[in-house]
């Protein structure tokens, strides 16, 4: 090793010393990303149990659109711990590999997050994409999801107000 490189490394303070001092003082380093606001669904708004999915499939109704099929089932008042829709997604293996299936779920989650109705009707909803969803524009997908929610709300509110 040449002598000049040894002198340079000994005279230069270590880079991490400044960052450790900043962290101790509570300052963020310049390269740190700002904290990201998470816009997630609360756990109460998600359909999580297998039994709930099965109930929606077997007892619920269906709504078809160009790139998704929506299954929905009104929860009885006694079972309604949380008001509003509980939403779940299923993407079968026939629709593609893991990368395509996860992409479909991410797109659906974002479309639902952006067009989710306010807490009104207590119902469970399962959304199944079709293969055509991979090529559908996101604005069209978001429109389909919001239309499906409007139809569900219309049909279930008419049924619950006799």
Protein backbone atom coordinates (compact mmCIF):
# COMPACT_ATOMS: atom_id res chain seq x y z
CA UNK A 1 0.00 0.00 0.00
CA UNK A 2 1.38 3.42 -0.93
CA UNK A 3 2.27 5.83 1.84
CA UNK A 4 -0.02 8.60 0.56
CA UNK A 5 -3.15 6.49 0.94
CA UNK A 6 -2.25 5.68 4.55
CA UNK A 7 -1.78 9.35 5.37
CA UNK A 8 -5.08 10.27 3.69
CA UNK A 9 -7.03 7.65 5.57
CA UNK A 10 -5.48 8.60 8.92
CA UNK A 11 -6.10 12.34 8.46
CA UNK A 12 -9.71 11.95 7.26
CA UNK A 13 -12.33 11.49 10.01
CA UNK A 14 -14.50 8.42 9.61
CA UNK A 15 -17.75 9.09 7.75
CA UNK A 16 -19.95 7.26 10.17
CA UNK A 17 -18.82 9.33 13.18
CA UNK A 18 -20.89 12.32 12.04
CA UNK A 19 -23.93 10.20 11.31
CA UNK A 20 -23.77 8.56 14.73
CA UNK A 21 -23.59 11.95 16.39
CA UNK A 22 -26.59 13.14 14.35
CA UNK A 23 -28.59 10.07 15.32
CA UNK A 24 -27.73 10.60 18.98
CA UNK A 25 -28.99 14.19 18.71
CA UNK A 26 -32.15 13.06 16.92
CA UNK A 27 -31.29 14.62 13.56
CA UNK A 28 -31.99 12.68 10.39
CA UNK A 29 -29.21 12.23 7.85
CA UNK A 30 -29.66 14.12 4.57
CA UNK A 31 -30.10 10.96 2.53
CA UNK A 32 -32.88 9.51 4.69
CA UNK A 33 -36.30 9.35 3.07
CA UNK A 34 -39.11 11.25 4.74
CA UNK A 35 -41.53 9.12 6.70
CA UNK A 36 -44.16 7.66 4.41
CA UNK A 37 -47.80 8.02 5.35
CA UNK A 38 -49.37 4.62 5.34
CA UNK A 39 -52.82 4.43 3.85
CA UNK A 40 -53.68 0.90 4.82
CA UNK A 41 -56.92 -0.77 5.63
CA UNK A 42 -57.56 -1.24 9.31
CA UNK A 43 -57.68 -4.87 10.33
CA UNK A 44 -61.41 -4.58 10.98
CA UNK A 45 -61.98 -3.65 7.31
CA UNK A 46 -60.25 -6.75 5.93
CA UNK A 47 -61.70 -10.17 5.35
CA UNK A 48 -59.19 -12.53 6.92
CA UNK A 49 -60.69 -15.90 7.90
CA UNK A 50 -61.21 -18.75 5.47
CA UNK A 51 -64.69 -19.36 6.89
CA UNK A 52 -65.69 -15.79 6.01
CA UNK A 53 -64.51 -16.24 2.42
CA UNK A 54 -66.43 -19.52 2.15
CA UNK A 55 -69.62 -17.92 3.53
CA UNK A 56 -69.44 -15.11 0.98
CA UNK A 57 -68.93 -17.58 -1.88
CA UNK A 58 -71.70 -19.97 -0.84
CA UNK A 59 -74.38 -17.66 0.55
CA UNK A 60 -73.60 -14.37 -1.14
CA UNK A 61 -74.53 -12.75 -4.41
CA UNK A 62 -72.34 -11.88 -7.39
CA UNK A 63 -71.70 -8.84 -9.52
CA UNK A 64 -69.81 -9.25 -12.82
CA UNK A 65 -67.83 -6.62 -14.69
CA UNK A 66 -65.26 -6.66 -17.48
CA UNK A 67 -62.18 -7.42 -15.40
CA UNK A 68 -63.46 -8.40 -11.92
CA UNK A 69 -66.11 -10.52 -10.26
CA UNK A 70 -67.38 -9.25 -6.92
CA UNK A 71 -69.04 -11.54 -4.39
CA UNK A 72 -70.90 -9.90 -1.50
CA UNK A 73 -72.91 -11.02 1.51
CA UNK A 74 -74.71 -8.78 4.02
CA UNK A 75 -73.60 -9.49 7.57
CA UNK A 76 -76.43 -9.97 10.09
CA UNK A 77 -76.78 -7.24 12.70
CA UNK A 78 -75.80 -9.64 15.50
CA UNK A 79 -72.52 -10.50 13.77
CA UNK A 80 -71.67 -6.92 12.77
CA UNK A 81 -68.84 -6.05 15.10
CA UNK A 82 -67.58 -3.40 12.73
CA UNK A 83 -69.77 -1.36 10.46
CA UNK A 84 -68.96 -0.98 6.81
CA UNK A 85 -67.51 -3.32 4.26
CA UNK A 86 -64.94 -5.98 5.01
CA UNK A 87 -62.99 -6.66 1.83
CA UNK A 88 -60.93 -9.66 0.75
CA UNK A 89 -59.12 -10.60 -2.46
CA UNK A 90 -58.54 -13.99 -4.07
CA UNK A 91 -56.41 -14.60 -7.13
CA UNK A 92 -56.21 -18.17 -8.38
CA UNK A 93 -53.12 -19.83 -9.78
CA UNK A 94 -54.78 -20.15 -13.17
CA UNK A 95 -54.37 -16.39 -13.64
CA UNK A 96 -50.58 -16.51 -13.81
CA UNK A 97 -47.41 -16.85 -11.81
CA UNK A 98 -46.80 -15.32 -8.42
CA UNK A 99 -45.56 -12.03 -9.91
CA UNK A 100 -48.73 -11.50 -11.95
CA UNK A 101 -51.00 -12.56 -9.10
CA UNK A 102 -49.32 -10.24 -6.61
CA UNK A 103 -49.48 -7.39 -9.13
CA UNK A 104 -53.21 -7.98 -9.52
CA UNK A 105 -53.70 -7.89 -5.76
CA UNK A 106 -51.67 -4.69 -5.39
CA UNK A 107 -53.68 -2.97 -8.14
CA UNK A 108 -56.97 -4.13 -6.62
CA UNK A 109 -55.98 -3.01 -3.11
CA UNK A 110 -55.08 0.44 -4.37
CA UNK A 111 -58.28 0.75 -6.42
CA UNK A 112 -60.35 -0.30 -3.40
CA UNK A 113 -58.43 2.05 -1.12
CA UNK A 114 -59.07 4.98 -3.43
CA UNK A 115 -62.77 4.29 -4.04
CA UNK A 116 -63.88 2.65 -0.82
CA UNK A 117 -67.29 3.85 0.37
CA UNK A 118 -67.77 5.28 3.82
CA UNK A 119 -69.03 3.02 6.56
CA UNK A 120 -72.64 2.47 5.69
CA UNK A 121 -73.65 -1.10 5.00
CA UNK A 122 -72.28 -4.04 6.96
CA UNK A 123 -71.26 -6.57 4.33
CA UNK A 124 -68.42 -8.89 3.39
CA UNK A 125 -66.97 -8.48 -0.10
CA UNK A 126 -64.59 -10.75 -2.00
CA UNK A 127 -63.09 -9.50 -5.26
CA UNK A 128 -61.81 -11.96 -7.88
CA UNK A 129 -59.91 -10.54 -10.85
CA UNK A 130 -60.09 -11.91 -14.35
CA UNK A 131 -57.09 -12.44 -16.63
CA UNK A 132 -57.99 -9.28 -18.57
CA UNK A 133 -57.21 -7.17 -15.49
CA UNK A 134 -53.48 -7.30 -16.25
CA UNK A 135 -53.99 -5.23 -19.39
CA UNK A 136 -56.76 -2.98 -18.06
CA UNK A 137 -55.93 0.66 -17.44
CA UNK A 138 -55.88 1.56 -13.73
CA UNK A 139 -58.48 4.32 -14.16
CA UNK A 140 -60.87 1.81 -15.75
CA UNK A 141 -60.20 -0.66 -12.92
CA UNK A 142 -60.86 2.01 -10.32
CA UNK A 143 -64.09 2.90 -12.12
CA UNK A 144 -65.20 -0.77 -12.10
CA UNK A 145 -64.48 -1.10 -8.39
CA UNK A 146 -66.34 2.09 -7.45
CA UNK A 147 -69.28 1.04 -9.64
CA UNK A 148 -69.35 -2.38 -7.97
CA UNK A 149 -69.42 -0.73 -4.53
CA UNK A 150 -72.27 1.55 -5.64
CA UNK A 151 -74.29 -1.43 -6.91
CA UNK A 152 -73.65 -3.39 -3.70
CA UNK A 153 -74.73 -0.43 -1.60
CA UNK A 154 -77.83 0.10 -3.73
CA UNK A 155 -78.93 -3.55 -3.63
CA UNK A 156 -78.24 -4.11 0.06
CA UNK A 157 -79.72 -0.81 1.26
CA UNK A 158 -82.92 -1.57 -0.64
CA UNK A 159 -82.99 -5.02 0.94
CA UNK A 160 -82.39 -3.75 4.49
CA UNK A 161 -85.07 -1.00 4.42
CA UNK A 162 -88.40 -2.85 3.92
